[in-house]
Amino acid sequence: MSELPVETADERVDAIVAGLARLGELPVNEHVAVFEEAFSGLESALAAVDDAHGEHTTAGQAAYEGVLERP
């Protein structure tokens, strides 16, 4: 597995990324749950940033939906 970044300058994101380190200790069939947890945490972090800037939609959700809509 590649090395994880040391820090991102956002404590919430750093904690989520650090949580990915447990992938090496888990069987592969449990990895999906870890990635879903990380994705959910990252969405929440993005939503918090949007809320702090007065935006009512999450940029992360819009970007994610845009990726899914591409052919």
PDB file of N, CA and C in Angstrom:
ATOM      1  N   MET A   1       0.843  -1.176   0.000  1.00  0.00           N
ATOM      2  CA  MET A   1       0.000   0.000   0.000  1.00  0.00           C
ATOM      3  C   MET A   1       0.883   1.231   0.000  1.00  0.00           C
ATOM      4  N   SER A   2       0.457   2.273  -0.670  1.00  0.00           N
ATOM      5  CA  SER A   2       1.259   3.492  -0.725  1.00  0.00           C
ATOM      6  C   SER A   2       1.221   4.206   0.624  1.00  0.00           C
ATOM      7  N   GLU A   3       2.178   5.082   0.819  1.00  0.00           N
ATOM      8  CA  GLU A   3       2.247   5.820   2.072  1.00  0.00           C
ATOM      9  C   GLU A   3       1.151   6.873   2.114  1.00  0.00           C
ATOM     10  N   LEU A   4       0.602   7.067   3.314  1.00  0.00           N
ATOM     11  CA  LEU A   4      -0.417   8.085   3.508  1.00  0.00           C
ATOM     12  C   LEU A   4       0.256   9.420   3.787  1.00  0.00           C
ATOM     13  N   PRO A   5      -0.370  10.527   3.372  1.00  0.00           N
ATOM     14  CA  PRO A   5       0.222  11.827   3.662  1.00  0.00           C
ATOM     15  C   PRO A   5       0.318  12.046   5.174  1.00  0.00           C
ATOM     16  N   VAL A   6       1.317  12.791   5.585  1.00  0.00           N
ATOM     17  CA  VAL A   6       1.529  13.039   7.000  1.00  0.00           C
ATOM     18  C   VAL A   6       0.412  13.921   7.553  1.00  0.00           C
ATOM     19  N   GLU A   7       0.066  14.989   6.847  1.00  0.00           N
ATOM     20  CA  GLU A   7      -1.015  15.852   7.293  1.00  0.00           C
ATOM     21  C   GLU A   7      -1.589  16.637   6.119  1.00  0.00           C
ATOM     22  N   THR A   8      -2.836  17.081   6.284  1.00  0.00           N
ATOM     23  CA  THR A   8      -3.525  17.809   5.225  1.00  0.00           C
ATOM     24  C   THR A   8      -3.827  19.248   5.610  1.00  0.00           C
ATOM     25  N   ALA A   9      -3.508  19.630   6.836  1.00  0.00           N
ATOM     26  CA  ALA A   9      -3.793  20.949   7.396  1.00  0.00           C
ATOM     27  C   ALA A   9      -5.225  21.051   7.901  1.00  0.00           C
ATOM     28  N   ASP A  10      -5.967  19.957   7.897  1.00  0.00           N
ATOM     29  CA  ASP A  10      -7.315  19.920   8.461  1.00  0.00           C
ATOM     30  C   ASP A  10      -7.368  18.717   9.398  1.00  0.00           C
ATOM     31  N   GLU A  11      -7.574  18.973  10.678  1.00  0.00           N
ATOM     32  CA  GLU A  11      -7.545  17.896  11.674  1.00  0.00           C
ATOM     33  C   GLU A  11      -8.580  16.819  11.394  1.00  0.00           C
ATOM     34  N   ARG A  12      -9.768  17.214  10.911  1.00  0.00           N
ATOM     35  CA  ARG A  12     -10.814  16.226  10.626  1.00  0.00           C
ATOM     36  C   ARG A  12     -10.367  15.296   9.520  1.00  0.00           C
ATOM     37  N   VAL A  13      -9.809  15.864   8.460  1.00  0.00           N
ATOM     38  CA  VAL A  13      -9.361  15.060   7.322  1.00  0.00           C
ATOM     39  C   VAL A  13      -8.169  14.202   7.727  1.00  0.00           C
ATOM     40  N   ASP A  14      -7.271  14.768   8.511  1.00  0.00           N
ATOM     41  CA  ASP A  14      -6.113  14.003   8.981  1.00  0.00           C
ATOM     42  C   ASP A  14      -6.550  12.763   9.761  1.00  0.00           C
ATOM     43  N   ALA A  15      -7.567  12.905  10.603  1.00  0.00           N
ATOM     44  CA  ALA A  15      -8.056  11.765  11.387  1.00  0.00           C
ATOM     45  C   ALA A  15      -8.671  10.700  10.477  1.00  0.00           C
ATOM     46  N   ILE A  16      -9.394  11.136   9.458  1.00  0.00           N
ATOM     47  CA  ILE A  16     -10.011  10.195   8.516  1.00  0.00           C
ATOM     48  C   ILE A  16      -8.932   9.433   7.751  1.00  0.00           C
ATOM     49  N   VAL A  17      -7.948  10.160   7.253  1.00  0.00           N
ATOM     50  CA  VAL A  17      -6.858   9.533   6.500  1.00  0.00           C
ATOM     51  C   VAL A  17      -6.085   8.575   7.397  1.00  0.00           C
ATOM     52  N   ALA A  18      -5.851   8.972   8.629  1.00  0.00           N
ATOM     53  CA  ALA A  18      -5.143   8.094   9.564  1.00  0.00           C
ATOM     54  C   ALA A  18      -5.932   6.805   9.799  1.00  0.00           C
ATOM     55  N   GLY A  19      -7.241   6.882   9.783  1.00  0.00           N
ATOM     56  CA  GLY A  19      -8.080   5.708   9.961  1.00  0.00           C
ATOM     57  C   GLY A  19      -7.917   4.686   8.847  1.00  0.00           C
ATOM     58  N   LEU A  20      -7.490   5.133   7.674  1.00  0.00           N
ATOM     59  CA  LEU A  20      -7.273   4.214   6.561  1.00  0.00           C
ATOM     60  C   LEU A  20      -6.093   3.282   6.815  1.00  0.00           C
ATOM     61  N   ALA A  21      -5.235   3.640   7.751  1.00  0.00           N
ATOM     62  CA  ALA A  21      -4.077   2.805   8.066  1.00  0.00           C
ATOM     63  C   ALA A  21      -4.495   1.431   8.588  1.00  0.00           C
ATOM     64  N   ARG A  22      -5.711   1.329   9.133  1.00  0.00           N
ATOM     65  CA  ARG A  22      -6.143   0.028   9.664  1.00  0.00           C
ATOM     66  C   ARG A  22      -6.498  -0.964   8.564  1.00  0.00           C
ATOM     67  N   LEU A  23      -6.513  -0.513   7.309  1.00  0.00           N
ATOM     68  CA  LEU A  23      -6.800  -1.430   6.200  1.00  0.00           C
ATOM     69  C   LEU A  23      -5.830  -2.607   6.183  1.00  0.00           C
ATOM     70  N   GLY A  24      -4.578  -2.354   6.512  1.00  0.00           N
ATOM     71  CA  GLY A  24      -3.569  -3.410   6.505  1.00  0.00           C
ATOM     72  C   GLY A  24      -3.804  -4.492   7.533  1.00  0.00           C
ATOM     73  N   GLU A  25      -4.591  -4.185   8.562  1.00  0.00           N
ATOM     74  CA  GLU A  25      -4.871  -5.134   9.631  1.00  0.00           C
ATOM     75  C   GLU A  25      -6.154  -5.917   9.395  1.00  0.00           C
ATOM     76  N   LEU A  26      -6.940  -5.500   8.406  1.00  0.00           N
ATOM     77  CA  LEU A  26      -8.249  -6.102   8.189  1.00  0.00           C
ATOM     78  C   LEU A  26      -8.269  -7.008   6.968  1.00  0.00           C
ATOM     79  N   PRO A  27      -9.132  -8.006   6.984  1.00  0.00           N
ATOM     80  CA  PRO A  27      -9.296  -8.824   5.777  1.00  0.00           C
ATOM     81  C   PRO A  27      -9.923  -7.955   4.668  1.00  0.00           C
ATOM     82  N   VAL A  28      -9.636  -8.285   3.439  1.00  0.00           N
ATOM     83  CA  VAL A  28     -10.100  -7.487   2.305  1.00  0.00           C
ATOM     84  C   VAL A  28     -11.616  -7.314   2.311  1.00  0.00           C
ATOM     85  N   ASN A  29     -12.350  -8.324   2.728  1.00  0.00           N
ATOM     86  CA  ASN A  29     -13.809  -8.207   2.705  1.00  0.00           C
ATOM     87  C   ASN A  29     -14.344  -7.162   3.678  1.00  0.00           C
ATOM     88  N   GLU A  30     -13.511  -6.620   4.553  1.00  0.00           N
ATOM     89  CA  GLU A  30     -13.914  -5.557   5.476  1.00  0.00           C
ATOM     90  C   GLU A  30     -13.457  -4.174   5.014  1.00  0.00           C
ATOM     91  N   HIS A  31     -12.728  -4.103   3.917  1.00  0.00           N
ATOM     92  CA  HIS A  31     -12.212  -2.823   3.431  1.00  0.00           C
ATOM     93  C   HIS A  31     -13.316  -1.876   2.980  1.00  0.00           C
ATOM     94  N   VAL A  32     -14.360  -2.414   2.359  1.00  0.00           N
ATOM     95  CA  VAL A  32     -15.433  -1.554   1.859  1.00  0.00           C
ATOM     96  C   VAL A  32     -16.024  -0.713   2.985  1.00  0.00           C
ATOM     97  N   ALA A  33     -16.252  -1.305   4.129  1.00  0.00           N
ATOM     98  CA  ALA A  33     -16.816  -0.574   5.263  1.00  0.00           C
ATOM     99  C   ALA A  33     -15.897   0.563   5.703  1.00  0.00           C
ATOM    100  N   VAL A  34     -14.604   0.315   5.681  1.00  0.00           N
ATOM    101  CA  VAL A  34     -13.639   1.354   6.070  1.00  0.00           C
ATOM    102  C   VAL A  34     -13.670   2.500   5.060  1.00  0.00           C
ATOM    103  N   PHE A  35     -13.714   2.165   3.764  1.00  0.00           N
ATOM    104  CA  PHE A  35     -13.775   3.215   2.742  1.00  0.00           C
ATOM    105  C   PHE A  35     -15.083   3.989   2.819  1.00  0.00           C
ATOM    106  N   GLU A  36     -16.190   3.304   3.085  1.00  0.00           N
ATOM    107  CA  GLU A  36     -17.475   3.997   3.216  1.00  0.00           C
ATOM    108  C   GLU A  36     -17.464   4.945   4.411  1.00  0.00           C
ATOM    109  N   GLU A  37     -16.864   4.505   5.494  1.00  0.00           N
ATOM    110  CA  GLU A  37     -16.745   5.355   6.683  1.00  0.00           C
ATOM    111  C   GLU A  37     -15.897   6.590   6.372  1.00  0.00           C
ATOM    112  N   ALA A  38     -14.791   6.384   5.665  1.00  0.00           N
ATOM    113  CA  ALA A  38     -13.924   7.506   5.301  1.00  0.00           C
ATOM    114  C   ALA A  38     -14.655   8.461   4.365  1.00  0.00           C
ATOM    115  N   PHE A  39     -15.367   7.921   3.382  1.00  0.00           N
ATOM    116  CA  PHE A  39     -16.105   8.758   2.440  1.00  0.00           C
ATOM    117  C   PHE A  39     -17.149   9.595   3.170  1.00  0.00           C
ATOM    118  N   SER A  40     -17.870   8.972   4.087  1.00  0.00           N
ATOM    119  CA  SER A  40     -18.885   9.677   4.859  1.00  0.00           C
ATOM    120  C   SER A  40     -18.262  10.795   5.693  1.00  0.00           C
ATOM    121  N   GLY A  41     -17.130  10.494   6.308  1.00  0.00           N
ATOM    122  CA  GLY A  41     -16.428  11.504   7.103  1.00  0.00           C
ATOM    123  C   GLY A  41     -15.942  12.661   6.265  1.00  0.00           C
ATOM    124  N   LEU A  42     -15.427  12.359   5.070  1.00  0.00           N
ATOM    125  CA  LEU A  42     -14.959  13.420   4.186  1.00  0.00           C
ATOM    126  C   LEU A  42     -16.123  14.272   3.697  1.00  0.00           C
ATOM    127  N   GLU A  43     -17.257  13.636   3.402  1.00  0.00           N
ATOM    128  CA  GLU A  43     -18.457  14.395   3.017  1.00  0.00           C
ATOM    129  C   GLU A  43     -18.869  15.350   4.134  1.00  0.00           C
ATOM    130  N   SER A  44     -18.838  14.868   5.358  1.00  0.00           N
ATOM    131  CA  SER A  44     -19.206  15.702   6.500  1.00  0.00           C
ATOM    132  C   SER A  44     -18.242  16.868   6.669  1.00  0.00           C
ATOM    133  N   ALA A  45     -16.963  16.606   6.469  1.00  0.00           N
ATOM    134  CA  ALA A  45     -15.968  17.676   6.574  1.00  0.00           C
ATOM    135  C   ALA A  45     -16.199  18.733   5.501  1.00  0.00           C
ATOM    136  N   LEU A  46     -16.509  18.287   4.281  1.00  0.00           N
ATOM    137  CA  LEU A  46     -16.807  19.244   3.211  1.00  0.00           C
ATOM    138  C   LEU A  46     -18.072  20.032   3.510  1.00  0.00           C
ATOM    139  N   ALA A  47     -19.082  19.374   4.040  1.00  0.00           N
ATOM    140  CA  ALA A  47     -20.328  20.056   4.380  1.00  0.00           C
ATOM    141  C   ALA A  47     -20.086  21.113   5.443  1.00  0.00           C
ATOM    142  N   ALA A  48     -19.229  20.813   6.404  1.00  0.00           N
ATOM    143  CA  ALA A  48     -18.911  21.777   7.456  1.00  0.00           C
ATOM    144  C   ALA A  48     -18.230  23.011   6.880  1.00  0.00           C
ATOM    145  N   VAL A  49     -17.362  22.795   5.897  1.00  0.00           N
ATOM    146  CA  VAL A  49     -16.686  23.923   5.247  1.00  0.00           C
ATOM    147  C   VAL A  49     -17.709  24.756   4.487  1.00  0.00           C
ATOM    148  N   ASP A  50     -18.603  24.082   3.760  1.00  0.00           N
ATOM    149  CA  ASP A  50     -19.648  24.793   3.024  1.00  0.00           C
ATOM    150  C   ASP A  50     -20.521  25.595   3.977  1.00  0.00           C
ATOM    151  N   ASP A  51     -20.938  24.983   5.097  1.00  0.00           N
ATOM    152  CA  ASP A  51     -21.780  25.674   6.071  1.00  0.00           C
ATOM    153  C   ASP A  51     -21.066  26.889   6.650  1.00  0.00           C
ATOM    154  N   ALA A  52     -19.774  26.757   6.877  1.00  0.00           N
ATOM    155  CA  ALA A  52     -19.004  27.868   7.426  1.00  0.00           C
ATOM    156  C   ALA A  52     -18.933  29.044   6.451  1.00  0.00           C
ATOM    157  N   HIS A  53     -19.071  28.730   5.163  1.00  0.00           N
ATOM    158  CA  HIS A  53     -19.029  29.774   4.142  1.00  0.00           C
ATOM    159  C   HIS A  53     -20.424  30.180   3.679  1.00  0.00           C
ATOM    160  N   GLY A  54     -21.458  29.690   4.360  1.00  0.00           N
ATOM    161  CA  GLY A  54     -22.818  30.077   4.049  1.00  0.00           C
ATOM    162  C   GLY A  54     -23.429  29.379   2.858  1.00  0.00           C
ATOM    163  N   GLU A  55     -22.826  28.316   2.377  1.00  0.00           N
ATOM    164  CA  GLU A  55     -23.374  27.570   1.250  1.00  0.00           C
ATOM    165  C   GLU A  55     -24.291  26.486   1.798  1.00  0.00           C
ATOM    166  N   HIS A  56     -25.357  26.188   1.059  1.00  0.00           N
ATOM    167  CA  HIS A  56     -26.333  25.220   1.549  1.00  0.00           C
ATOM    168  C   HIS A  56     -26.254  23.876   0.857  1.00  0.00           C
ATOM    169  N   THR A  57     -25.420  23.742  -0.156  1.00  0.00           N
ATOM    170  CA  THR A  57     -25.209  22.455  -0.804  1.00  0.00           C
ATOM    171  C   THR A  57     -23.756  22.080  -0.615  1.00  0.00           C
ATOM    172  N   THR A  58     -23.477  20.800  -0.646  1.00  0.00           N
ATOM    173  CA  THR A  58     -22.099  20.378  -0.451  1.00  0.00           C
ATOM    174  C   THR A  58     -21.387  20.266  -1.787  1.00  0.00           C
ATOM    175  N   ALA A  59     -20.248  20.880  -1.872  1.00  0.00           N
ATOM    176  CA  ALA A  59     -19.444  20.792  -3.085  1.00  0.00           C
ATOM    177  C   ALA A  59     -19.036  19.353  -3.338  1.00  0.00           C
ATOM    178  N   GLY A  60     -18.747  18.628  -2.267  1.00  0.00           N
ATOM    179  CA  GLY A  60     -18.351  17.229  -2.406  1.00  0.00           C
ATOM    180  C   GLY A  60     -19.439  16.392  -3.031  1.00  0.00           C
ATOM    181  N   GLN A  61     -20.679  16.593  -2.610  1.00  0.00           N
ATOM    182  CA  GLN A  61     -21.783  15.826  -3.168  1.00  0.00           C
ATOM    183  C   GLN A  61     -21.981  16.178  -4.634  1.00  0.00           C
ATOM    184  N   ALA A  62     -21.909  17.468  -4.978  1.00  0.00           N
ATOM    185  CA  ALA A  62     -22.074  17.882  -6.371  1.00  0.00           C
ATOM    186  C   ALA A  62     -20.966  17.292  -7.236  1.00  0.00           C
ATOM    187  N   ALA A  63     -19.748  17.306  -6.738  1.00  0.00           N
ATOM    188  CA  ALA A  63     -18.634  16.741  -7.507  1.00  0.00           C
ATOM    189  C   ALA A  63     -18.803  15.242  -7.663  1.00  0.00           C
ATOM    190  N   TYR A  64     -19.217  14.563  -6.603  1.00  0.00           N
ATOM    191  CA  TYR A  64     -19.414  13.112  -6.649  1.00  0.00           C
ATOM    192  C   TYR A  64     -20.503  12.772  -7.645  1.00  0.00           C
ATOM    193  N   GLU A  65     -21.616  13.479  -7.623  1.00  0.00           N
ATOM    194  CA  GLU A  65     -22.693  13.213  -8.571  1.00  0.00           C
ATOM    195  C   GLU A  65     -22.241  13.483  -9.993  1.00  0.00           C
ATOM    196  N   GLY A  66     -21.420  14.506 -10.194  1.00  0.00           N
ATOM    197  CA  GLY A  66     -20.896  14.811 -11.529  1.00  0.00           C
ATOM    198  C   GLY A  66     -20.043  13.681 -12.065  1.00  0.00           C
ATOM    199  N   VAL A  67     -19.270  13.048 -11.206  1.00  0.00           N
ATOM    200  CA  VAL A  67     -18.427  11.922 -11.609  1.00  0.00           C
ATOM    201  C   VAL A  67     -19.296  10.753 -12.024  1.00  0.00           C
ATOM    202  N   LEU A  68     -20.365  10.507 -11.278  1.00  0.00           N
ATOM    203  CA  LEU A  68     -21.235   9.384 -11.586  1.00  0.00           C
ATOM    204  C   LEU A  68     -21.989   9.585 -12.898  1.00  0.00           C
ATOM    205  N   GLU A  69     -22.234  10.836 -13.269  1.00  0.00           N
ATOM    206  CA  GLU A  69     -23.003  11.114 -14.476  1.00  0.00           C
ATOM    207  C   GLU A  69     -22.166  11.062 -15.742  1.00  0.00           C
ATOM    208  N   ARG A  70     -20.856  11.048 -15.606  1.00  0.00           N
ATOM    209  CA  ARG A  70     -19.997  11.011 -16.785  1.00  0.00           C
ATOM    210  C   ARG A  70     -20.112   9.658 -17.475  1.00  0.00           C
ATOM    211  N   PRO A  71     -20.053   9.648 -18.821  1.00  0.00           N
ATOM    212  CA  PRO A  71     -20.113   8.363 -19.546  1.00  0.00           C
ATOM    213  C   PRO A  71     -18.877   7.525 -19.351  1.00  0.00           C
TER     214      PRO A  71
END
